[in-house]
PDB file of N, CA and C in Angstrom:
ATOM      1  N   UNK A   1       0.828  -1.197   0.000  1.00  0.00           N
ATOM      2  CA  UNK A   1       0.000   0.000   0.000  1.00  0.00           C
ATOM      3  C   UNK A   1       0.870   1.258   0.000  1.00  0.00           C
ATOM      4  N   UNK A   2       1.941   1.219   0.756  1.00  0.00           N
ATOM      5  CA  UNK A   2       2.835   2.371   0.831  1.00  0.00           C
ATOM      6  C   UNK A   2       3.486   2.643  -0.533  1.00  0.00           C
ATOM      7  N   UNK A   3       3.807   1.547  -1.250  1.00  0.00           N
ATOM      8  CA  UNK A   3       4.395   1.674  -2.583  1.00  0.00           C
ATOM      9  C   UNK A   3       3.436   2.423  -3.512  1.00  0.00           C
ATOM     10  N   UNK A   4       2.150   2.069  -3.447  1.00  0.00           N
ATOM     11  CA  UNK A   4       1.144   2.729  -4.281  1.00  0.00           C
ATOM     12  C   UNK A   4       1.033   4.213  -3.945  1.00  0.00           C
ATOM     13  N   UNK A   5       1.109   4.543  -2.661  1.00  0.00           N
ATOM     14  CA  UNK A   5       1.018   5.941  -2.247  1.00  0.00           C
ATOM     15  C   UNK A   5       2.208   6.745  -2.756  1.00  0.00           C
ATOM     16  N   UNK A   6       3.401   6.133  -2.725  1.00  0.00           N
ATOM     17  CA  UNK A   6       4.596   6.816  -3.249  1.00  0.00           C
ATOM     18  C   UNK A   6       4.459   7.053  -4.754  1.00  0.00           C
ATOM     19  N   UNK A   7       3.918   6.074  -5.445  1.00  0.00           N
ATOM     20  CA  UNK A   7       3.731   6.220  -6.893  1.00  0.00           C
ATOM     21  C   UNK A   7       2.698   7.314  -7.188  1.00  0.00           C
ATOM     22  N   UNK A   8       1.612   7.329  -6.419  1.00  0.00           N
ATOM     23  CA  UNK A   8       0.586   8.351  -6.594  1.00  0.00           C
ATOM     24  C   UNK A   8       1.139   9.742  -6.289  1.00  0.00           C
ATOM     25  N   UNK A   9       1.909   9.865  -5.219  1.00  0.00           N
ATOM     26  CA  UNK A   9       2.531  11.151  -4.886  1.00  0.00           C
ATOM     27  C   UNK A   9       3.466  11.603  -6.006  1.00  0.00           C
ATOM     28  N   UNK A  10       4.243  10.680  -6.552  1.00  0.00           N
ATOM     29  CA  UNK A  10       5.152  11.004  -7.651  1.00  0.00           C
ATOM     30  C   UNK A  10       4.389  11.451  -8.884  1.00  0.00           C
ATOM     31  N   UNK A  11       3.297  10.744  -9.195  1.00  0.00           N
ATOM     32  CA  UNK A  11       2.481  11.104 -10.356  1.00  0.00           C
ATOM     33  C   UNK A  11       1.943  12.525 -10.199  1.00  0.00           C
ATOM     34  N   UNK A  12       1.360  12.806  -9.041  1.00  0.00           N
ATOM     35  CA  UNK A  12       0.790  14.136  -8.812  1.00  0.00           C
ATOM     36  C   UNK A  12       1.856  15.221  -8.864  1.00  0.00           C
ATOM     37  N   UNK A  13       3.016  14.948  -8.276  1.00  0.00           N
ATOM     38  CA  UNK A  13       4.111  15.924  -8.323  1.00  0.00           C
ATOM     39  C   UNK A  13       4.609  16.120  -9.747  1.00  0.00           C
ATOM     40  N   UNK A  14       4.783  15.026 -10.481  1.00  0.00           N
ATOM     41  CA  UNK A  14       5.263  15.124 -11.866  1.00  0.00           C
ATOM     42  C   UNK A  14       4.308  15.917 -12.739  1.00  0.00           C
ATOM     43  N   UNK A  15       3.020  15.653 -12.596  1.00  0.00           N
ATOM     44  CA  UNK A  15       2.003  16.359 -13.377  1.00  0.00           C
ATOM     45  C   UNK A  15       2.017  17.855 -13.052  1.00  0.00           C
ATOM     46  N   UNK A  16       1.995  18.170 -11.758  1.00  0.00           N
ATOM     47  CA  UNK A  16       1.920  19.567 -11.330  1.00  0.00           C
ATOM     48  C   UNK A  16       3.182  20.340 -11.691  1.00  0.00           C
ATOM     49  N   UNK A  17       4.334  19.748 -11.451  1.00  0.00           N
ATOM     50  CA  UNK A  17       5.591  20.443 -11.753  1.00  0.00           C
ATOM     51  C   UNK A  17       5.752  20.615 -13.254  1.00  0.00           C
ATOM     52  N   UNK A  18       5.374  19.601 -14.030  1.00  0.00           N
ATOM     53  CA  UNK A  18       5.445  19.732 -15.496  1.00  0.00           C
ATOM     54  C   UNK A  18       4.540  20.855 -15.978  1.00  0.00           C
ATOM     55  N   UNK A  19       3.400  21.016 -15.347  1.00  0.00           N
ATOM     56  CA  UNK A  19       2.445  22.037 -15.750  1.00  0.00           C
ATOM     57  C   UNK A  19       2.943  23.446 -15.429  1.00  0.00           C
ATOM     58  N   UNK A  20       3.456  23.641 -14.230  1.00  0.00           N
ATOM     59  CA  UNK A  20       3.800  24.994 -13.778  1.00  0.00           C
ATOM     60  C   UNK A  20       5.283  25.346 -13.869  1.00  0.00           C
ATOM     61  N   UNK A  21       6.149  24.347 -13.829  1.00  0.00           N
ATOM     62  CA  UNK A  21       7.601  24.575 -13.888  1.00  0.00           C
ATOM     63  C   UNK A  21       8.248  23.537 -14.798  1.00  0.00           C
ATOM     64  N   UNK A  22       7.989  23.608 -16.112  1.00  0.00           N
ATOM     65  CA  UNK A  22       8.467  22.553 -17.003  1.00  0.00           C
ATOM     66  C   UNK A  22       9.988  22.386 -17.030  1.00  0.00           C
ATOM     67  N   UNK A  23      10.722  23.466 -16.842  1.00  0.00           N
ATOM     68  CA  UNK A  23      12.187  23.344 -16.834  1.00  0.00           C
ATOM     69  C   UNK A  23      12.649  22.550 -15.614  1.00  0.00           C
ATOM     70  N   UNK A  24      12.057  22.826 -14.468  1.00  0.00           N
ATOM     71  CA  UNK A  24      12.381  22.075 -13.257  1.00  0.00           C
ATOM     72  C   UNK A  24      11.985  20.617 -13.421  1.00  0.00           C
ATOM     73  N   UNK A  25      10.839  20.366 -14.019  1.00  0.00           N
ATOM     74  CA  UNK A  25      10.394  18.984 -14.240  1.00  0.00           C
ATOM     75  C   UNK A  25      11.401  18.228 -15.094  1.00  0.00           C
ATOM     76  N   UNK A  26      11.917  18.871 -16.135  1.00  0.00           N
ATOM     77  CA  UNK A  26      12.899  18.204 -16.993  1.00  0.00           C
ATOM     78  C   UNK A  26      14.183  17.892 -16.228  1.00  0.00           C
ATOM     79  N   UNK A  27      14.616  18.805 -15.359  1.00  0.00           N
ATOM     80  CA  UNK A  27      15.800  18.556 -14.540  1.00  0.00           C
ATOM     81  C   UNK A  27      15.559  17.371 -13.608  1.00  0.00           C
ATOM     82  N   UNK A  28      14.379  17.334 -13.022  1.00  0.00           N
ATOM     83  CA  UNK A  28      14.049  16.242 -12.112  1.00  0.00           C
ATOM     84  C   UNK A  28      13.939  14.916 -12.867  1.00  0.00           C
ATOM     85  N   UNK A  29      13.346  14.938 -14.046  1.00  0.00           N
ATOM     86  CA  UNK A  29      13.246  13.719 -14.845  1.00  0.00           C
ATOM     87  C   UNK A  29      14.624  13.172 -15.183  1.00  0.00           C
ATOM     88  N   UNK A  30      15.542  14.074 -15.490  1.00  0.00           N
ATOM     89  CA  UNK A  30      16.908  13.661 -15.792  1.00  0.00           C
ATOM     90  C   UNK A  30      17.558  13.023 -14.570  1.00  0.00           C
ATOM     91  N   UNK A  31      17.380  13.637 -13.410  1.00  0.00           N
ATOM     92  CA  UNK A  31      18.012  13.111 -12.205  1.00  0.00           C
ATOM     93  C   UNK A  31      17.350  11.807 -11.725  1.00  0.00           C
ATOM     94  N   UNK A  32      16.085  11.592 -12.077  1.00  0.00           N
ATOM     95  CA  UNK A  32      15.377  10.379 -11.664  1.00  0.00           C
ATOM     96  C   UNK A  32      15.425   9.272 -12.724  1.00  0.00           C
ATOM     97  N   UNK A  33      16.131   9.528 -13.809  1.00  0.00           N
ATOM     98  CA  UNK A  33      16.098   8.617 -14.965  1.00  0.00           C
ATOM     99  C   UNK A  33      16.554   7.203 -14.635  1.00  0.00           C
ATOM    100  N   UNK A  34      17.525   7.033 -13.793  1.00  0.00           N
ATOM    101  CA  UNK A  34      18.072   5.699 -13.525  1.00  0.00           C
ATOM    102  C   UNK A  34      17.559   5.104 -12.221  1.00  0.00           C
ATOM    103  N   UNK A  35      16.403   5.540 -11.787  1.00  0.00           N
ATOM    104  CA  UNK A  35      15.845   5.076 -10.525  1.00  0.00           C
ATOM    105  C   UNK A  35      14.600   4.241 -10.780  1.00  0.00           C
ATOM    106  N   UNK A  36      14.477   3.152 -10.048  1.00  0.00           N
ATOM    107  CA  UNK A  36      13.288   2.308 -10.163  1.00  0.00           C
ATOM    108  C   UNK A  36      12.346   2.487  -8.983  1.00  0.00           C
ATOM    109  N   UNK A  37      12.544   3.510  -8.202  1.00  0.00           N
ATOM    110  CA  UNK A  37      11.698   3.759  -7.039  1.00  0.00           C
ATOM    111  C   UNK A  37      10.272   4.077  -7.498  1.00  0.00           C
ATOM    112  N   UNK A  38       9.258   3.674  -6.719  1.00  0.00           N
ATOM    113  CA  UNK A  38       7.866   3.964  -7.098  1.00  0.00           C
ATOM    114  C   UNK A  38       7.601   5.454  -7.309  1.00  0.00           C
ATOM    115  N   UNK A  39       8.175   6.310  -6.468  1.00  0.00           N
ATOM    116  CA  UNK A  39       7.980   7.752  -6.638  1.00  0.00           C
ATOM    117  C   UNK A  39       8.501   8.197  -8.002  1.00  0.00           C
ATOM    118  N   UNK A  40       9.678   7.707  -8.374  1.00  0.00           N
ATOM    119  CA  UNK A  40      10.286   8.069  -9.651  1.00  0.00           C
ATOM    120  C   UNK A  40       9.418   7.637 -10.830  1.00  0.00           C
ATOM    121  N   UNK A  41       8.914   6.407 -10.763  1.00  0.00           N
ATOM    122  CA  UNK A  41       8.042   5.915 -11.836  1.00  0.00           C
ATOM    123  C   UNK A  41       6.769   6.764 -11.925  1.00  0.00           C
ATOM    124  N   UNK A  42       6.204   7.102 -10.774  1.00  0.00           N
ATOM    125  CA  UNK A  42       5.015   7.942 -10.753  1.00  0.00           C
ATOM    126  C   UNK A  42       5.292   9.324 -11.301  1.00  0.00           C
ATOM    127  N   UNK A  43       6.444   9.898 -10.936  1.00  0.00           N
ATOM    128  CA  UNK A  43       6.810  11.236 -11.409  1.00  0.00           C
ATOM    129  C   UNK A  43       6.905  11.245 -12.931  1.00  0.00           C
ATOM    130  N   UNK A  44       7.580  10.235 -13.489  1.00  0.00           N
ATOM    131  CA  UNK A  44       7.700  10.137 -14.948  1.00  0.00           C
ATOM    132  C   UNK A  44       6.319  10.034 -15.606  1.00  0.00           C
ATOM    133  N   UNK A  45       5.464   9.192 -15.031  1.00  0.00           N
ATOM    134  CA  UNK A  45       4.127   9.008 -15.611  1.00  0.00           C
ATOM    135  C   UNK A  45       3.301  10.290 -15.523  1.00  0.00           C
ATOM    136  N   UNK A  46       3.386  11.007 -14.418  1.00  0.00           N
ATOM    137  CA  UNK A  46       2.628  12.252 -14.253  1.00  0.00           C
ATOM    138  C   UNK A  46       3.080  13.327 -15.217  1.00  0.00           C
ATOM    139  N   UNK A  47       4.388  13.474 -15.374  1.00  0.00           N
ATOM    140  CA  UNK A  47       4.913  14.475 -16.306  1.00  0.00           C
ATOM    141  C   UNK A  47       4.508  14.137 -17.740  1.00  0.00           C
ATOM    142  N   UNK A  48       4.586  12.852 -18.077  1.00  0.00           N
ATOM    143  CA  UNK A  48       4.206  12.419 -19.426  1.00  0.00           C
ATOM    144  C   UNK A  48       2.711  12.649 -19.668  1.00  0.00           C
ATOM    145  N   UNK A  49       1.884  12.364 -18.666  1.00  0.00           N
ATOM    146  CA  UNK A  49       0.438  12.572 -18.788  1.00  0.00           C
ATOM    147  C   UNK A  49       0.122  14.037 -19.084  1.00  0.00           C
ATOM    148  N   UNK A  50       0.766  14.942 -18.354  1.00  0.00           N
ATOM    149  CA  UNK A  50       0.507  16.367 -18.605  1.00  0.00           C
ATOM    150  C   UNK A  50       0.941  16.743 -20.019  1.00  0.00           C
ATOM    151  N   UNK A  51       2.099  16.261 -20.448  1.00  0.00           N
ATOM    152  CA  UNK A  51       2.577  16.585 -21.795  1.00  0.00           C
ATOM    153  C   UNK A  51       1.610  16.082 -22.857  1.00  0.00           C
ATOM    154  N   UNK A  52       1.072  14.881 -22.672  1.00  0.00           N
ATOM    155  CA  UNK A  52       0.113  14.336 -23.652  1.00  0.00           C
ATOM    156  C   UNK A  52      -1.167  15.159 -23.674  1.00  0.00           C
ATOM    157  N   UNK A  53      -1.663  15.540 -22.505  1.00  0.00           N
ATOM    158  CA  UNK A  53      -2.879  16.359 -22.450  1.00  0.00           C
ATOM    159  C   UNK A  53      -2.651  17.720 -23.094  1.00  0.00           C
ATOM    160  N   UNK A  54      -1.482  18.305 -22.859  1.00  0.00           N
ATOM    161  CA  UNK A  54      -1.177  19.608 -23.444  1.00  0.00           C
ATOM    162  C   UNK A  54      -1.115  19.507 -24.970  1.00  0.00           C
ATOM    163  N   UNK A  55      -0.559  18.424 -25.491  1.00  0.00           N
ATOM    164  CA  UNK A  55      -0.502  18.225 -26.939  1.00  0.00           C
ATOM    165  C   UNK A  55      -1.901  18.050 -27.521  1.00  0.00           C
ATOM    166  N   UNK A  56      -2.744  17.267 -26.854  1.00  0.00           N
ATOM    167  CA  UNK A  56      -4.111  17.097 -27.334  1.00  0.00           C
ATOM    168  C   UNK A  56      -4.858  18.420 -27.332  1.00  0.00           C
ATOM    169  N   UNK A  57      -4.627  19.212 -26.318  1.00  0.00           N
ATOM    170  CA  UNK A  57      -5.283  20.510 -26.240  1.00  0.00           C
ATOM    171  C   UNK A  57      -4.825  21.412 -27.378  1.00  0.00           C
ATOM    172  N   UNK A  58      -3.535  21.358 -27.710  1.00  0.00           N
ATOM    173  CA  UNK A  58      -3.001  22.164 -28.819  1.00  0.00           C
ATOM    174  C   UNK A  58      -3.628  21.773 -30.149  1.00  0.00           C
ATOM    175  N   UNK A  59      -3.913  20.497 -30.327  1.00  0.00           N
ATOM    176  CA  UNK A  59      -4.486  20.038 -31.589  1.00  0.00           C
ATOM    177  C   UNK A  59      -6.002  20.100 -31.561  1.00  0.00           C
ATOM    178  N   UNK A  60      -6.535  20.742 -30.534  1.00  0.00           N
ATOM    179  CA  UNK A  60      -7.976  20.981 -30.392  1.00  0.00           C
ATOM    180  C   UNK A  60      -8.769  19.688 -30.250  1.00  0.00           C
ATOM    181  N   UNK A  61      -8.172  18.701 -29.599  1.00  0.00           N
ATOM    182  CA  UNK A  61      -8.892  17.469 -29.331  1.00  0.00           C
ATOM    183  C   UNK A  61      -9.834  17.632 -28.142  1.00  0.00           C
ATOM    184  N   UNK A  62      -9.623  18.680 -27.348  1.00  0.00           N
ATOM    185  CA  UNK A  62     -10.490  18.974 -26.216  1.00  0.00           C
ATOM    186  C   UNK A  62     -11.140  20.335 -26.433  1.00  0.00           C
ATOM    187  N   UNK A  63     -11.980  20.485 -27.464  1.00  0.00           N
ATOM    188  CA  UNK A  63     -12.580  21.793 -27.702  1.00  0.00           C
ATOM    189  C   UNK A  63     -13.593  22.130 -26.609  1.00  0.00           C
ATOM    190  N   UNK A  64     -13.876  23.392 -26.499  1.00  0.00           N
ATOM    191  CA  UNK A  64     -14.885  23.817 -25.540  1.00  0.00           C
ATOM    192  C   UNK A  64     -16.231  23.222 -25.880  1.00  0.00           C
ATOM    193  N   UNK A  65     -17.080  23.130 -24.894  1.00  0.00           N
ATOM    194  CA  UNK A  65     -18.393  22.510 -25.077  1.00  0.00           C
ATOM    195  C   UNK A  65     -19.207  23.239 -26.146  1.00  0.00           C
ATOM    196  N   UNK A  66     -19.023  24.541 -26.264  1.00  0.00           N
ATOM    197  CA  UNK A  66     -19.809  25.295 -27.235  1.00  0.00           C
ATOM    198  C   UNK A  66     -19.437  24.954 -28.668  1.00  0.00           C
ATOM    199  N   UNK A  67     -18.312  24.274 -28.874  1.00  0.00           N
ATOM    200  CA  UNK A  67     -17.929  23.850 -30.223  1.00  0.00           C
ATOM    201  C   UNK A  67     -18.369  22.425 -30.520  1.00  0.00           C
ATOM    202  N   UNK A  68     -18.952  21.757 -29.549  1.00  0.00           N
ATOM    203  CA  UNK A  68     -19.356  20.366 -29.706  1.00  0.00           C
ATOM    204  C   UNK A  68     -20.598  20.286 -30.593  1.00  0.00           C
ATOM    205  N   UNK A  69     -20.603  19.374 -31.564  1.00  0.00           N
ATOM    206  CA  UNK A  69     -21.782  19.256 -32.431  1.00  0.00           C
ATOM    207  C   UNK A  69     -23.023  18.924 -31.604  1.00  0.00           C
ATOM    208  N   UNK A  70     -24.079  19.594 -31.878  1.00  0.00           N
ATOM    209  CA  UNK A  70     -25.330  19.342 -31.187  1.00  0.00           C
ATOM    210  C   UNK A  70     -25.491  20.108 -29.889  1.00  0.00           C
ATOM    211  N   UNK A  71     -24.492  20.901 -29.529  1.00  0.00           N
ATOM    212  CA  UNK A  71     -24.588  21.667 -28.285  1.00  0.00           C
ATOM    213  C   UNK A  71     -25.643  22.747 -28.417  1.00  0.00           C
ATOM    214  N   UNK A  72     -26.537  22.811 -27.489  1.00  0.00           N
ATOM    215  CA  UNK A  72     -27.574  23.845 -27.442  1.00  0.00           C
ATOM    216  C   UNK A  72     -27.511  24.505 -26.074  1.00  0.00           C
ATOM    217  N   UNK A  73     -27.284  25.810 -26.005  1.00  0.00           N
ATOM    218  CA  UNK A  73     -27.288  26.465 -24.700  1.00  0.00           C
ATOM    219  C   UNK A  73     -28.680  26.404 -24.080  1.00  0.00           C
ATOM    220  N   UNK A  74     -28.735  26.396 -22.763  1.00  0.00           N
ATOM    221  CA  UNK A  74     -30.016  26.330 -22.074  1.00  0.00           C
ATOM    222  C   UNK A  74     -30.827  27.601 -22.251  1.00  0.00           C
ATOM    223  N   UNK A  75     -30.152  28.714 -22.395  1.00  0.00           N
ATOM    224  CA  UNK A  75     -30.843  29.993 -22.527  1.00  0.00           C
ATOM    225  C   UNK A  75     -30.312  30.710 -23.760  1.00  0.00           C
ATOM    226  N   UNK A  76     -31.214  31.134 -24.593  1.00  0.00           N
ATOM    227  CA  UNK A  76     -30.830  31.902 -25.782  1.00  0.00           C
ATOM    228  C   UNK A  76     -31.450  33.268 -25.711  1.00  0.00           C
ATOM    229  N   UNK A  77     -30.717  34.237 -26.185  1.00  0.00           N
ATOM    230  CA  UNK A  77     -31.263  35.582 -26.321  1.00  0.00           C
ATOM    231  C   UNK A  77     -32.242  35.560 -27.481  1.00  0.00           C
ATOM    232  N   UNK A  78     -33.407  36.189 -27.339  1.00  0.00           N
ATOM    233  CA  UNK A  78     -34.361  36.210 -28.455  1.00  0.00           C
ATOM    234  C   UNK A  78     -33.774  36.956 -29.645  1.00  0.00           C
ATOM    235  N   UNK A  79     -34.071  36.425 -30.802  1.00  0.00           N
ATOM    236  CA  UNK A  79     -33.585  37.085 -32.011  1.00  0.00           C
ATOM    237  C   UNK A  79     -34.399  38.341 -32.254  1.00  0.00           C
ATOM    238  N   UNK A  80     -33.712  39.373 -32.674  1.00  0.00           N
ATOM    239  CA  UNK A  80     -34.392  40.637 -32.956  1.00  0.00           C
ATOM    240  C   UNK A  80     -34.686  40.712 -34.444  1.00  0.00           C
ATOM    241  N   UNK A  81     -35.944  40.973 -34.766  1.00  0.00           N
ATOM    242  CA  UNK A  81     -36.359  41.065 -36.149  1.00  0.00           C
ATOM    243  C   UNK A  81     -36.324  42.542 -36.538  1.00  0.00           C
ATOM    244  N   UNK A  82     -35.460  42.867 -37.462  1.00  0.00           N
ATOM    245  CA  UNK A  82     -35.292  44.247 -37.876  1.00  0.00           C
ATOM    246  C   UNK A  82     -36.534  44.800 -38.574  1.00  0.00           C
ATOM    247  N   UNK A  83     -37.323  43.934 -39.231  1.00  0.00           N
ATOM    248  CA  UNK A  83     -38.469  44.386 -39.997  1.00  0.00           C
ATOM    249  C   UNK A  83     -39.749  44.503 -39.164  1.00  0.00           C
ATOM    250  N   UNK A  84     -39.705  44.084 -37.951  1.00  0.00           N
ATOM    251  CA  UNK A  84     -40.911  44.047 -37.138  1.00  0.00           C
ATOM    252  C   UNK A  84     -41.171  45.427 -36.513  1.00  0.00           C
ATOM    253  N   UNK A  85     -42.388  45.923 -36.670  1.00  0.00           N
ATOM    254  CA  UNK A  85     -42.765  47.210 -36.100  1.00  0.00           C
ATOM    255  C   UNK A  85     -43.596  46.941 -34.855  1.00  0.00           C
ATOM    256  N   UNK A  86     -43.094  47.296 -33.681  1.00  0.00           N
ATOM    257  CA  UNK A  86     -43.751  47.007 -32.413  1.00  0.00           C
ATOM    258  C   UNK A  86     -44.942  47.928 -32.137  1.00  0.00           C
ATOM    259  N   UNK A  87     -45.116  49.047 -32.872  1.00  0.00           N
ATOM    260  CA  UNK A  87     -46.195  50.004 -32.629  1.00  0.00           C
ATOM    261  C   UNK A  87     -47.528  49.564 -33.239  1.00  0.00           C
ATOM    262  N   UNK A  88     -47.577  48.565 -34.021  1.00  0.00           N
ATOM    263  CA  UNK A  88     -48.814  48.133 -34.706  1.00  0.00           C
ATOM    264  C   UNK A  88     -49.661  47.285 -33.824  1.00  0.00           C
TER     265      UNK A  88
END
């Protein structure tokens, strides 16, 4: 169980550091390269996960919901008809 927790901690640290401090993450990945410790394996996996998600986001694989086919907002502003005379 402790091994799993170390791996999870490494994954979370790798993901977060890769996201906010990518240069530091690369230095850490280099220093952890020859280690088989669970934390090290988790760190590598977390950093890689963030990099993959960032690449998918760049290629627009995760578009906003409003770009999704069939998306209908719950509330729409009424369309204004330019030809309609409200005084009649």
